[in-house]
Protein backbone atom coordinates (compact mmCIF):
# COMPACT_ATOMS: atom_id res chain seq x y z
CA UNK A 1 105.31 149.97 124.19
CA UNK A 2 106.15 146.68 122.36
CA UNK A 3 105.26 145.38 119.24
CA UNK A 4 102.36 143.05 118.81
CA UNK A 5 103.16 139.67 117.84
CA UNK A 6 101.55 136.65 116.19
CA UNK A 7 102.44 132.93 117.21
CA UNK A 8 103.70 130.79 114.56
CA UNK A 9 102.49 127.35 114.77
CA UNK A 10 105.17 124.28 114.43
CA UNK A 11 105.19 121.14 113.19
CA UNK A 12 107.32 117.93 112.37
CA UNK A 13 109.64 118.33 109.08
CA UNK A 14 109.84 115.07 106.84
CA UNK A 15 113.43 114.88 108.02
CA UNK A 16 111.94 114.64 111.97
CA UNK A 17 112.75 118.21 112.95
CA UNK A 18 110.90 121.11 114.03
CA UNK A 19 109.95 123.68 111.47
CA UNK A 20 108.05 126.28 110.94
CA UNK A 21 106.50 128.29 108.05
CA UNK A 22 106.23 132.22 108.08
CA UNK A 23 105.05 134.11 105.24
CA UNK A 24 107.12 137.76 104.55
CA UNK A 25 104.93 141.19 105.10
CA UNK A 26 105.18 144.52 103.95
CA UNK A 27 107.92 146.55 106.50
CA UNK A 28 104.74 148.77 107.52
CA UNK A 29 103.48 145.12 109.44
CA UNK A 30 104.71 145.84 112.45
CA UNK A 31 103.10 142.54 113.99
CA UNK A 32 106.12 140.08 114.57
CA UNK A 33 105.82 136.57 114.04
CA UNK A 34 106.40 134.67 117.48
CA UNK A 35 108.32 131.32 117.31
CA UNK A 36 108.60 128.94 120.92
CA UNK A 37 111.42 127.27 120.38
CA UNK A 38 110.65 123.42 121.25
CA UNK A 39 112.28 122.00 124.17
CA UNK A 40 116.53 121.14 123.91
CA UNK A 41 115.54 117.35 126.25
CA UNK A 42 113.34 114.65 124.74
CA UNK A 43 111.80 111.67 126.13
CA UNK A 44 110.86 109.16 122.89
CA UNK A 45 107.94 107.63 123.47
CA UNK A 46 107.86 103.97 122.22
CA UNK A 47 104.55 101.76 122.06
CA UNK A 48 105.06 98.51 122.16
CA UNK A 49 102.19 96.47 120.84
CA UNK A 50 100.45 92.70 121.57
CA UNK A 51 100.87 89.40 120.24
CA UNK A 52 99.53 89.50 116.00
CA UNK A 53 100.17 93.37 116.73
CA UNK A 54 103.38 93.20 114.52
CA UNK A 55 103.29 92.27 110.57
CA UNK A 56 105.91 90.19 109.63
CA UNK A 57 108.30 89.53 106.61
CA UNK A 58 108.62 85.53 105.02
CA UNK A 59 112.08 84.49 104.78
CA UNK A 60 112.16 81.27 104.31
CA UNK A 61 110.82 78.38 101.15
CA UNK A 62 107.75 79.56 102.02
CA UNK A 63 107.75 83.35 101.66
CA UNK A 64 105.23 82.94 98.26
CA UNK A 65 102.81 80.81 100.04
CA UNK A 66 100.61 83.69 99.71
CA UNK A 67 101.29 84.22 96.58
CA UNK A 68 104.07 85.54 93.93
CA UNK A 69 103.18 89.14 94.92
CA UNK A 70 103.10 88.94 98.19
CA UNK A 71 105.87 88.04 101.06
CA UNK A 72 103.96 89.22 104.34
CA UNK A 73 103.87 86.05 106.88
CA UNK A 74 101.58 88.56 109.04
CA UNK A 75 99.59 91.22 107.50
CA UNK A 76 97.01 92.27 110.15
CA UNK A 77 96.12 95.95 108.51
CA UNK A 78 94.08 94.07 105.76
CA UNK A 79 91.62 92.12 108.22
CA UNK A 80 89.44 91.58 105.70
CA UNK A 81 91.59 90.70 103.04
CA UNK A 82 95.15 89.05 103.81
CA UNK A 83 93.54 87.94 107.22
CA UNK A 84 90.17 87.00 106.73
CA UNK A 85 89.48 86.51 102.85
CA UNK A 86 86.46 88.55 102.82
CA UNK A 87 88.08 90.69 99.29
CA UNK A 88 90.25 87.65 98.37
CA UNK A 89 90.44 84.76 97.63
CA UNK A 90 93.55 84.18 99.05
CA UNK A 91 93.84 84.35 102.53
CA UNK A 92 95.47 83.29 106.17
CA UNK A 93 91.82 82.04 106.39
CA UNK A 94 92.02 79.78 103.35
CA UNK A 95 95.50 78.08 104.45
CA UNK A 96 95.67 74.74 105.96
CA UNK A 97 96.78 73.68 109.18
CA UNK A 98 100.19 72.68 107.60
CA UNK A 99 100.54 75.99 105.52
CA UNK A 100 100.09 78.10 108.76
CA UNK A 101 102.60 76.24 110.65
CA UNK A 102 105.39 76.81 107.71
CA UNK A 103 104.00 80.18 106.85
CA UNK A 104 104.31 81.08 110.43
CA UNK A 105 107.96 79.62 111.67
CA UNK A 106 109.66 81.88 113.96
CA UNK A 107 112.99 80.83 111.86
CA UNK A 108 111.28 81.58 108.68
CA UNK A 109 110.11 85.17 109.71
CA UNK A 110 110.94 88.63 110.32
CA UNK A 111 110.38 92.05 111.72
CA UNK A 112 110.75 94.80 110.16
CA UNK A 113 114.37 95.89 110.03
CA UNK A 114 113.72 98.92 107.85
CA UNK A 115 111.29 101.83 107.66
CA UNK A 116 110.88 100.41 103.76
CA UNK A 117 110.07 97.41 104.72
CA UNK A 118 106.82 99.42 105.88
CA UNK A 119 104.15 98.85 103.88
CA UNK A 120 104.00 102.65 102.30
CA UNK A 121 99.95 102.85 101.80
CA UNK A 122 99.00 101.35 104.92
CA UNK A 123 101.40 104.34 106.58
CA UNK A 124 99.53 106.54 104.78
CA UNK A 125 96.18 105.77 105.29
CA UNK A 126 96.56 105.09 108.88
CA UNK A 127 99.17 108.30 109.99
CA UNK A 128 97.30 111.82 110.30
CA UNK A 129 99.93 113.34 112.49
CA UNK A 130 103.84 112.85 111.10
CA UNK A 131 104.79 113.33 107.85
CA UNK A 132 104.34 109.60 106.09
CA UNK A 133 108.47 109.12 105.87
CA UNK A 134 108.83 110.27 109.66
CA UNK A 135 106.24 107.99 110.66
CA UNK A 136 108.00 105.12 108.72
CA UNK A 137 111.71 106.47 110.09
CA UNK A 138 109.64 106.36 113.85
CA UNK A 139 108.67 102.59 113.21
CA UNK A 140 105.35 103.31 113.06
CA UNK A 141 104.90 101.18 109.91
CA UNK A 142 106.35 98.47 112.41
CA UNK A 143 102.96 97.54 114.34
CA UNK A 144 99.62 97.87 113.13
CA UNK A 145 98.37 100.60 112.10
CA UNK A 146 94.67 100.09 112.16
CA UNK A 147 94.80 98.76 116.06
CA UNK A 148 97.43 101.14 117.12
CA UNK A 149 97.65 104.16 114.80
CA UNK A 150 95.18 105.93 116.72
CA UNK A 151 96.66 105.75 119.76
CA UNK A 152 99.90 106.67 118.19
CA UNK A 153 98.53 109.34 116.41
CA UNK A 154 96.55 110.52 119.54
CA UNK A 155 100.06 111.05 122.10
CA UNK A 156 101.94 112.64 118.94
CA UNK A 157 99.57 115.23 118.34
CA UNK A 158 99.13 116.07 122.63
CA UNK A 159 102.05 115.91 123.78
CA UNK A 160 103.96 118.01 121.15
CA UNK A 161 101.89 121.06 122.80
CA UNK A 162 101.51 120.55 126.65
CA UNK A 163 101.10 124.52 128.14
CA UNK A 164 101.21 127.89 125.76
CA UNK A 165 102.72 131.09 126.20
CA UNK A 166 99.81 131.53 128.95
CA UNK A 167 101.08 129.24 131.25
CA UNK A 168 96.91 127.73 130.39
CA UNK A 169 96.79 123.64 129.66
CA UNK A 170 96.41 123.60 125.98
CA UNK A 171 92.71 121.70 125.06
CA UNK A 172 94.39 118.46 123.70
CA UNK A 173 95.77 118.33 127.26
CA UNK A 174 92.61 118.80 129.25
CA UNK A 175 92.05 114.89 128.46
CA UNK A 176 93.96 114.02 131.30
CA UNK A 177 92.68 116.75 133.95
CA UNK A 178 89.18 114.93 134.45
CA UNK A 179 86.93 116.44 136.86
CA UNK A 180 85.34 113.25 137.55
CA UNK A 181 87.70 110.22 137.62
CA UNK A 182 84.96 108.04 137.87
CA UNK A 183 84.84 107.52 133.98
CA UNK A 184 88.64 105.72 134.33
CA UNK A 185 87.21 103.53 136.10
CA UNK A 186 88.80 102.05 139.67
CA UNK A 187 91.46 103.89 140.34
CA UNK A 188 94.87 103.20 142.43
CA UNK A 189 97.70 105.83 143.23
CA UNK A 190 95.78 108.65 141.79
CA UNK A 191 96.78 112.31 141.92
CA UNK A 192 95.70 114.99 139.46
CA UNK A 193 98.23 116.92 137.41
CA UNK A 194 98.99 120.40 138.76
CA UNK A 195 100.10 123.23 137.29
CA UNK A 196 104.38 122.48 138.57
CA UNK A 197 103.36 118.84 137.29
CA UNK A 198 102.93 120.14 133.82
CA UNK A 199 105.43 122.90 134.10
CA UNK A 200 107.97 120.32 134.69
CA UNK A 201 106.74 117.48 131.94
CA UNK A 202 106.65 120.30 129.48
CA UNK A 203 110.25 121.07 130.00
CA UNK A 204 110.60 117.48 127.25
CA UNK A 205 109.51 116.76 124.00
CA UNK A 206 108.09 113.64 123.68
CA UNK A 207 108.35 111.56 120.47
CA UNK A 208 105.98 108.96 119.59
CA UNK A 209 108.01 106.06 117.88
CA UNK A 210 106.54 102.30 117.56
CA UNK A 211 109.05 98.96 117.93
CA UNK A 212 107.02 96.04 116.30
CA UNK A 213 108.82 92.67 116.65
CA UNK A 214 108.36 88.84 115.90
CA UNK A 215 106.24 87.71 118.31
CA UNK A 216 106.83 84.03 117.29
CA UNK A 217 109.67 84.14 119.06
CA UNK A 218 110.12 84.19 122.83
CA UNK A 219 109.56 87.09 124.65
CA UNK A 220 112.74 87.05 125.97
CA UNK A 221 114.49 87.66 122.11
CA UNK A 222 112.04 90.22 121.84
CA UNK A 223 113.04 92.25 124.86
CA UNK A 224 116.52 91.82 124.03
CA UNK A 225 115.65 93.57 120.22
CA UNK A 226 113.41 95.74 121.66
CA UNK A 227 116.88 97.52 124.19
CA UNK A 228 118.54 97.41 120.71
CA UNK A 229 116.05 99.90 119.17
CA UNK A 230 115.76 101.60 122.20
CA UNK A 231 119.45 102.80 122.27
CA UNK A 232 119.28 103.19 118.51
CA UNK A 233 116.05 105.79 118.86
CA UNK A 234 118.15 107.77 121.85
CA UNK A 235 120.80 107.81 119.62
CA UNK A 236 118.50 108.95 116.39
CA UNK A 237 117.45 112.05 118.95
CA UNK A 238 121.02 113.17 119.87
CA UNK A 239 122.72 112.83 116.53
CA UNK A 240 119.20 114.00 114.43
CA UNK A 241 117.65 115.95 115.75
CA UNK A 242 119.81 117.65 118.49
CA UNK A 243 118.85 116.99 121.47
CA UNK A 244 119.41 115.79 125.10
CA UNK A 245 118.22 112.59 125.93
CA UNK A 246 119.41 111.82 129.19
CA UNK A 247 116.74 110.52 130.52
CA UNK A 248 115.80 107.13 129.21
CA UNK A 249 112.27 106.47 126.88
CA UNK A 250 108.87 105.98 128.51
CA UNK A 251 107.45 102.41 126.98
CA UNK A 252 103.44 101.89 125.99
CA UNK A 253 102.79 98.18 125.75
CA UNK A 254 99.83 96.81 124.77
CA UNK A 255 98.48 93.58 125.33
CA UNK A 256 101.74 90.76 125.40
CA UNK A 257 104.16 93.78 124.60
CA UNK A 258 103.60 94.26 128.37
CA UNK A 259 106.05 90.69 128.72
CA UNK A 260 108.50 92.17 126.37
CA UNK A 261 108.77 95.40 128.44
CA UNK A 262 109.10 94.41 131.95
CA UNK A 263 111.90 91.75 130.79
CA UNK A 264 113.45 94.15 128.27
CA UNK A 265 113.28 97.19 132.20
CA UNK A 266 114.69 94.02 133.96
CA UNK A 267 117.86 93.64 131.37
CA UNK A 268 118.62 97.10 131.14
CA UNK A 269 116.90 99.48 133.27
CA UNK A 270 119.28 102.09 132.59
CA UNK A 271 117.45 102.68 129.57
CA UNK A 272 113.27 103.16 130.82
CA UNK A 273 112.33 106.09 132.45
CA UNK A 274 108.86 104.64 132.68
CA UNK A 275 106.34 101.81 131.82
CA UNK A 276 102.44 101.90 130.64
CA UNK A 277 101.10 98.84 130.68
CA UNK A 278 97.55 98.21 128.88
CA UNK A 279 95.27 94.77 129.14
CA UNK A 280 98.70 92.78 129.85
CA UNK A 281 98.23 89.59 130.63
CA UNK A 282 100.59 89.00 133.67
CA UNK A 283 100.78 86.15 134.87
CA UNK A 284 99.26 84.56 131.28
CA UNK A 285 95.57 84.25 130.54
CA UNK A 286 93.33 80.58 130.63
CA UNK A 287 91.88 82.25 127.10
CA UNK A 288 95.30 81.12 125.57
CA UNK A 289 94.49 77.34 126.55
CA UNK A 290 90.62 77.56 125.29
CA UNK A 291 92.22 78.95 121.99
CA UNK A 292 95.19 76.43 121.99
CA UNK A 293 92.28 73.23 122.10
CA UNK A 294 88.97 74.97 121.02
CA UNK A 295 89.86 77.70 118.67
CA UNK A 296 89.19 81.24 118.60
CA UNK A 297 85.77 81.70 120.34
CA UNK A 298 84.08 85.07 119.08
CA UNK A 299 82.86 85.06 116.07
CA UNK A 300 85.57 87.60 113.93
CA UNK A 301 88.24 85.52 115.42
CA UNK A 302 86.78 82.08 114.29
CA UNK A 303 86.65 83.23 110.83
CA UNK A 304 90.25 84.86 110.50
CA UNK A 305 92.42 83.11 112.65
CA UNK A 306 90.57 79.91 113.46
CA UNK A 307 87.17 78.72 114.79
CA UNK A 308 88.82 74.85 115.62
CA UNK A 309 91.92 74.02 118.12
CA UNK A 310 93.20 72.45 114.42
CA UNK A 311 94.14 76.15 113.22
CA UNK A 312 96.06 77.31 116.43
CA UNK A 313 97.62 74.16 117.74
CA UNK A 314 99.71 73.86 115.02
CA UNK A 315 100.67 77.98 115.55
CA UNK A 316 101.23 77.98 119.01
CA UNK A 317 103.53 74.55 119.73
CA UNK A 318 105.83 75.64 117.25
CA UNK A 319 106.52 79.09 118.52
CA UNK A 320 107.83 80.00 122.34
CA UNK A 321 106.05 83.75 122.23
CA UNK A 322 102.89 82.88 122.26
CA UNK A 323 103.15 79.89 124.76
CA UNK A 324 104.14 82.46 127.21
CA UNK A 325 100.80 83.40 127.06
CA UNK A 326 99.51 80.50 128.81
CA UNK A 327 98.76 80.96 133.04
CA UNK A 328 102.58 80.31 134.33
CA UNK A 329 103.65 79.15 137.82
CA UNK A 330 102.44 82.59 139.31
CA UNK A 331 98.75 82.23 138.24
CA UNK A 332 97.40 80.10 140.78
CA UNK A 333 96.64 76.60 141.73
CA UNK A 334 92.89 75.10 139.88
CA UNK A 335 92.35 77.33 136.45
CA UNK A 336 91.91 74.10 134.83
CA UNK A 337 88.52 72.48 136.20
CA UNK A 338 86.39 68.88 135.76
CA UNK A 339 83.00 69.46 136.71
CA UNK A 340 79.21 67.49 136.49
CA UNK A 341 76.03 68.29 137.25
CA UNK A 342 77.88 71.56 139.08
CA UNK A 343 80.27 69.52 141.04
CA UNK A 344 84.11 69.61 141.08
CA UNK A 345 85.26 66.06 139.91
CA UNK A 346 89.12 68.05 140.06
CA UNK A 347 90.89 70.44 139.36
CA UNK A 348 94.56 71.80 138.10
CA UNK A 349 97.39 72.53 138.73
CA UNK A 350 98.36 71.55 142.59
CA UNK A 351 100.64 74.17 142.73
CA UNK A 352 102.70 76.09 140.80
CA UNK A 353 103.70 73.46 137.53
CA UNK A 354 100.98 73.49 134.78
CA UNK A 355 104.38 73.11 133.02
CA UNK A 356 104.49 68.87 133.53
CA UNK A 357 100.92 68.64 135.28
CA UNK A 358 98.73 70.95 131.75
CA UNK A 359 101.25 71.38 129.21
CA UNK A 360 103.23 68.00 128.82
CA UNK A 361 100.42 65.69 129.08
CA UNK A 362 100.41 63.82 126.06
CA UNK A 363 97.49 61.53 126.39
CA UNK A 364 95.50 63.27 128.95
CA UNK A 365 91.91 63.92 127.56
CA UNK A 366 92.20 67.46 129.58
CA UNK A 367 95.41 67.80 127.50
CA UNK A 368 96.61 71.60 125.94
CA UNK A 369 98.32 69.82 123.15
CA UNK A 370 97.73 66.92 120.44
CA UNK A 371 100.62 65.84 119.12
CA UNK A 372 99.07 64.40 116.09
CA UNK A 373 98.50 68.51 115.29
CA UNK A 374 101.95 69.78 115.75
CA UNK A 375 102.75 68.70 112.92
CA UNK A 376 100.04 68.00 110.84
CA UNK A 377 101.51 66.48 107.68
CA UNK A 378 98.25 64.19 106.98
CA UNK A 379 99.59 60.69 107.37
CA UNK A 380 101.58 60.57 110.72
CA UNK A 381 104.09 58.22 111.58
CA UNK A 382 105.44 56.97 114.98
CA UNK A 383 108.71 59.01 114.28
CA UNK A 384 106.96 61.81 113.20
CA UNK A 385 105.04 62.06 116.57
CA UNK A 386 107.54 61.82 118.37
CA UNK A 387 109.79 64.59 116.36
CA UNK A 388 106.56 66.91 116.77
CA UNK A 389 106.54 66.27 120.63
CA UNK A 390 110.64 66.81 121.02
CA UNK A 391 110.26 70.33 119.41
CA UNK A 392 106.93 71.19 121.32
CA UNK A 393 108.89 70.33 124.42
CA UNK A 394 111.87 72.38 123.52
CA UNK A 395 109.85 75.97 122.47
CA UNK A 396 107.71 75.18 126.21
CA UNK A 397 111.03 74.27 128.13
CA UNK A 398 111.76 78.74 126.28
CA UNK A 399 108.02 79.88 127.95
CA UNK A 400 109.51 78.59 131.22
CA UNK A 401 112.34 79.71 130.96
CA UNK A 402 111.14 83.13 130.14
CA UNK A 403 108.63 83.22 133.24
CA UNK A 404 111.24 82.01 135.11
CA UNK A 405 113.22 84.53 134.49
CA UNK A 406 110.14 87.29 134.56
CA UNK A 407 109.28 86.05 138.31
CA UNK A 408 107.38 89.24 139.19
CA UNK A 409 109.53 91.92 138.13
CA UNK A 410 107.48 95.10 137.68
CA UNK A 411 109.62 98.49 136.46
CA UNK A 412 109.53 100.67 139.39
CA UNK A 413 107.44 103.35 137.42
CA UNK A 414 104.62 101.47 136.11
CA UNK A 415 101.62 102.77 135.02
CA UNK A 416 99.14 99.90 135.06
CA UNK A 417 95.37 100.34 133.15
CA UNK A 418 92.51 97.16 132.19
CA UNK A 419 89.47 95.91 131.03
CA UNK A 420 87.05 94.74 134.74
CA UNK A 421 83.84 94.82 132.43
CA UNK A 422 81.24 92.05 133.29
CA UNK A 423 79.91 92.75 129.11
CA UNK A 424 83.56 91.49 127.44
CA UNK A 425 83.79 87.98 129.78
CA UNK A 426 87.02 86.15 129.65
CA UNK A 427 88.49 83.31 130.70
CA UNK A 428 90.04 83.30 134.01
CA UNK A 429 89.39 79.09 134.89
CA UNK A 430 88.64 76.45 132.15
CA UNK A 431 85.70 74.42 133.15
CA UNK A 432 85.01 71.30 131.24
CA UNK A 433 81.83 70.13 132.13
CA UNK A 434 81.02 66.30 131.86
CA UNK A 435 77.99 65.11 130.76
CA UNK A 436 77.23 60.81 131.19
CA UNK A 437 76.20 58.20 128.78
CA UNK A 438 73.46 56.10 129.23
CA UNK A 439 72.93 52.09 129.70
CA UNK A 440 70.41 51.25 126.94
CA UNK A 441 66.71 50.09 128.53
CA UNK A 442 66.33 46.47 128.72
CA UNK A 443 62.70 47.16 127.90
CA UNK A 444 60.24 48.40 125.32
CA UNK A 445 59.49 52.07 126.00
CA UNK A 446 61.75 52.96 128.78
CA UNK A 447 64.05 55.35 128.83
CA UNK A 448 67.45 54.72 128.96
CA UNK A 449 69.37 54.63 132.72
CA UNK A 450 71.83 57.25 132.58
CA UNK A 451 75.69 56.36 133.34
CA UNK A 452 76.89 57.37 136.92
CA UNK A 453 79.29 59.86 137.12
CA UNK A 454 83.20 59.20 137.51
CA UNK A 455 84.50 59.29 140.66
CA UNK A 456 87.56 61.80 140.85
CA UNK A 457 90.30 59.08 140.35
CA UNK A 458 88.49 57.85 136.85
CA UNK A 459 87.53 61.51 135.88
CA UNK A 460 90.50 62.80 135.59
CA UNK A 461 92.25 59.54 133.53
CA UNK A 462 89.26 58.37 131.72
CA UNK A 463 90.70 57.68 127.78
CA UNK A 464 90.57 60.16 125.08
CA UNK A 465 88.40 58.63 122.58
CA UNK A 466 87.26 61.77 120.57
CA UNK A 467 87.82 65.20 120.50
CA UNK A 468 86.24 67.73 117.80
CA UNK A 469 89.04 70.11 118.41
CA UNK A 470 86.29 73.08 119.20
CA UNK A 471 85.82 72.45 122.70
CA UNK A 472 84.20 68.66 123.00
CA UNK A 473 86.06 65.29 124.34
CA UNK A 474 84.50 62.25 124.55
CA UNK A 475 85.86 60.11 126.72
CA UNK A 476 85.37 56.15 128.03
CA UNK A 477 86.18 54.41 131.23
CA UNK A 478 89.21 52.01 131.38
CA UNK A 479 88.94 51.82 135.57
CA UNK A 480 86.37 49.26 136.40
CA UNK A 481 84.82 49.52 139.59
CA UNK A 482 81.31 48.34 140.89
CA UNK A 483 78.52 50.72 142.59
CA UNK A 484 74.69 50.07 143.15
CA UNK A 485 72.37 51.50 140.29
CA UNK A 486 68.43 52.15 140.24
CA UNK A 487 67.83 50.68 136.76
CA UNK A 488 64.47 51.25 135.64
CA UNK A 489 63.87 50.78 139.68
CA UNK A 490 65.69 47.66 139.98
CA UNK A 491 68.85 48.06 141.65
CA UNK A 492 71.53 47.15 140.35
CA UNK A 493 75.53 46.23 139.82
CA UNK A 494 76.91 48.31 137.21
CA UNK A 495 80.78 48.00 136.66
CA UNK A 496 82.17 51.34 134.97
CA UNK A 497 84.37 49.67 132.56
CA UNK A 498 83.76 50.77 129.10
CA UNK A 499 81.61 53.73 130.08
CA UNK A 500 81.40 56.83 127.67
CA UNK A 501 81.21 60.45 128.91
CA UNK A 502 81.27 63.80 127.19
CA UNK A 503 83.24 66.82 128.18
CA UNK A 504 82.13 70.17 126.71
CA UNK A 505 84.20 73.76 127.05
CA UNK A 506 82.04 76.39 129.07
CA UNK A 507 82.03 79.68 128.46
CA UNK A 508 84.22 82.93 129.96
CA UNK A 509 83.64 82.80 133.67
CA UNK A 510 85.22 86.46 134.90
CA UNK A 511 84.48 90.57 134.05
CA UNK A 512 87.59 91.69 131.66
CA UNK A 513 88.57 92.63 128.59
CA UNK A 514 87.04 88.93 126.44
CA UNK A 515 90.76 87.99 125.88
CA UNK A 516 92.97 88.94 129.59
CA UNK A 517 90.35 88.54 132.66
CA UNK A 518 90.44 91.11 135.09
CA UNK A 519 92.98 87.92 137.31
CA UNK A 520 95.58 88.54 134.60
CA UNK A 521 96.63 91.69 134.82
CA UNK A 522 95.48 92.82 138.17
CA UNK A 523 99.04 91.11 138.76
CA UNK A 524 100.74 93.93 137.37
CA UNK A 525 98.47 96.32 139.44
CA UNK A 526 99.89 95.24 142.99
CA UNK A 527 103.15 96.97 142.31
CA UNK A 528 102.06 99.82 139.98
CA UNK A 529 102.54 103.76 141.22
CA UNK A 530 98.95 104.06 139.55
CA UNK A 531 96.38 101.38 138.80
CA UNK A 532 92.98 101.54 137.06
CA UNK A 533 90.31 98.95 136.24
CA UNK A 534 87.90 100.30 133.40
CA UNK A 535 85.29 99.17 131.43
CA UNK A 536 83.43 100.20 127.56
CA UNK A 537 86.61 97.79 125.64
CA UNK A 538 87.53 94.85 124.34
CA UNK A 539 91.08 93.72 124.41
CA UNK A 540 92.24 93.83 120.79
CA UNK A 541 90.59 97.46 120.74
CA UNK A 542 91.41 99.03 124.24
CA UNK A 543 93.78 101.64 122.54
CA UNK A 544 90.80 103.10 120.30
CA UNK A 545 88.93 104.29 123.22
CA UNK A 546 89.41 107.80 124.29
CA UNK A 547 88.86 107.08 127.88
CA UNK A 548 92.37 104.84 127.94
CA UNK A 549 93.95 106.98 125.27
CA UNK A 550 93.33 110.22 128.31
CA UNK A 551 94.81 107.90 130.64
CA UNK A 552 97.73 107.15 128.67
CA UNK A 553 98.56 110.64 128.44
CA UNK A 554 98.01 111.20 131.67
CA UNK A 555 100.55 108.52 132.62
CA UNK A 556 103.05 109.81 130.13
CA UNK A 557 102.72 113.07 131.67
CA UNK A 558 103.13 112.16 135.54
CA UNK A 559 106.33 110.31 134.77
CA UNK A 560 107.58 113.07 132.66
CA UNK A 561 106.85 115.35 135.40
CA UNK A 562 108.95 113.86 137.31
CA UNK A 563 111.64 112.22 135.50
CA UNK A 564 115.56 112.16 136.69
CA UNK A 565 118.04 111.65 134.60
CA UNK A 566 119.58 107.72 134.22
CA UNK A 567 123.19 106.58 134.30
CA UNK A 568 125.13 107.21 131.00
């Protein structure tokens, strides 16, 4: 008769290796300790955050702009203090538009280069599944742990133990085996994980890493940076953890991180086994135009990041990364509209070119950028305006080149989830609702006469006379056209030259996640192996949602179950 055994739990040690603690017992105790060795093959899981999801370090002359003891250019994990200023007198929220431009200069900022760059107190606060130093070694401190700590801890905990000795799934895996898949929303390409799938997936370890990047630079640069980090992770697994890494990595992305991952995969297909995309603005989002022109649309964003375009424009205009979130050449026609009394006056772009038709227009009232706020130095000269616009054209050129280079590429083993929630509307189209001015009454006590609406030709060429940068524009008509109008019961001829108008940006128009409309995310779903149209979360908090976490776990396990060796 065999001697009884007791299982000994394993954990990750300070050096990243699997370890176990065994207590010595008397020789008379015949119960033996049973230690199950982890697999000697690994597929690292690497998390890629979205825009503003990576803390940045200031490196230039403005490194101490936030105070002598603070060299952060961006520190999202102190949202109420460093960002919003609710608990600190000096904060990002208190910076002027010019100071924001200076602090978030792509040439004067950098992502983390060593584990010690991360904030020790933040890592200690949010990490629950790894020793703090190992979490730093894996790059967890290079991303916002307030936003992404939940998914990192969840994946690290659940992927460490997939099948028990008796062949049954560990309890943490059960979330990836839903009895009712409707809790995940509308699914495409779903197939349940069977015992054989779990056995195949359990042949690998899945150490969870994170790679933050400088989101101010083009995603093209971030893609190359990510490729370098992937190689470093694989090298560490081979040399320090002594495991075989012949299957590349699995990327899990949030928002703009999906664009980074796609370009990285396009350039380095031999590094990546599969990609899990979350809430990706795959072809851009109308929300980006709205925020540049009018500031953040929600209260929290307005308080922390800016409720006026004057605070957003200097960042976007001088950084290619943010510009790459604008609707690109594949977004579709007519997403920027002007209406009067419910009727459409005009829509842009006509064809696949929002760059010249919208983004490079300097004087149109519906333009994206105001040259005076690209470099808001105060008393601007013509030379200052020309220089500012020239730099913006350069950044937009980088963004367009990225869009064109990425095209419609997706890794062939892509798993996608996105929000399509009517309670979290987002901007698919951006609509300016036009209101006409009035002719003063010529008789006492009579109401003024509304001016006639402009024609399409007039509407698109109105001259901008005022802009509050919060979604309202004032225009005047420089085109004289004569028409009959009813003025206090009398038909008179009116010339439109000098007529005044106001236009207001209307609210969100499509189900989404509050930031990315379903339209922008669906592009990824069309080519995906698996896609889920979900509800119940907002954009930034998507990976805190338990359904999203379980679905991500499911996606990783499916990729692992079907993993193939990649070329060396």
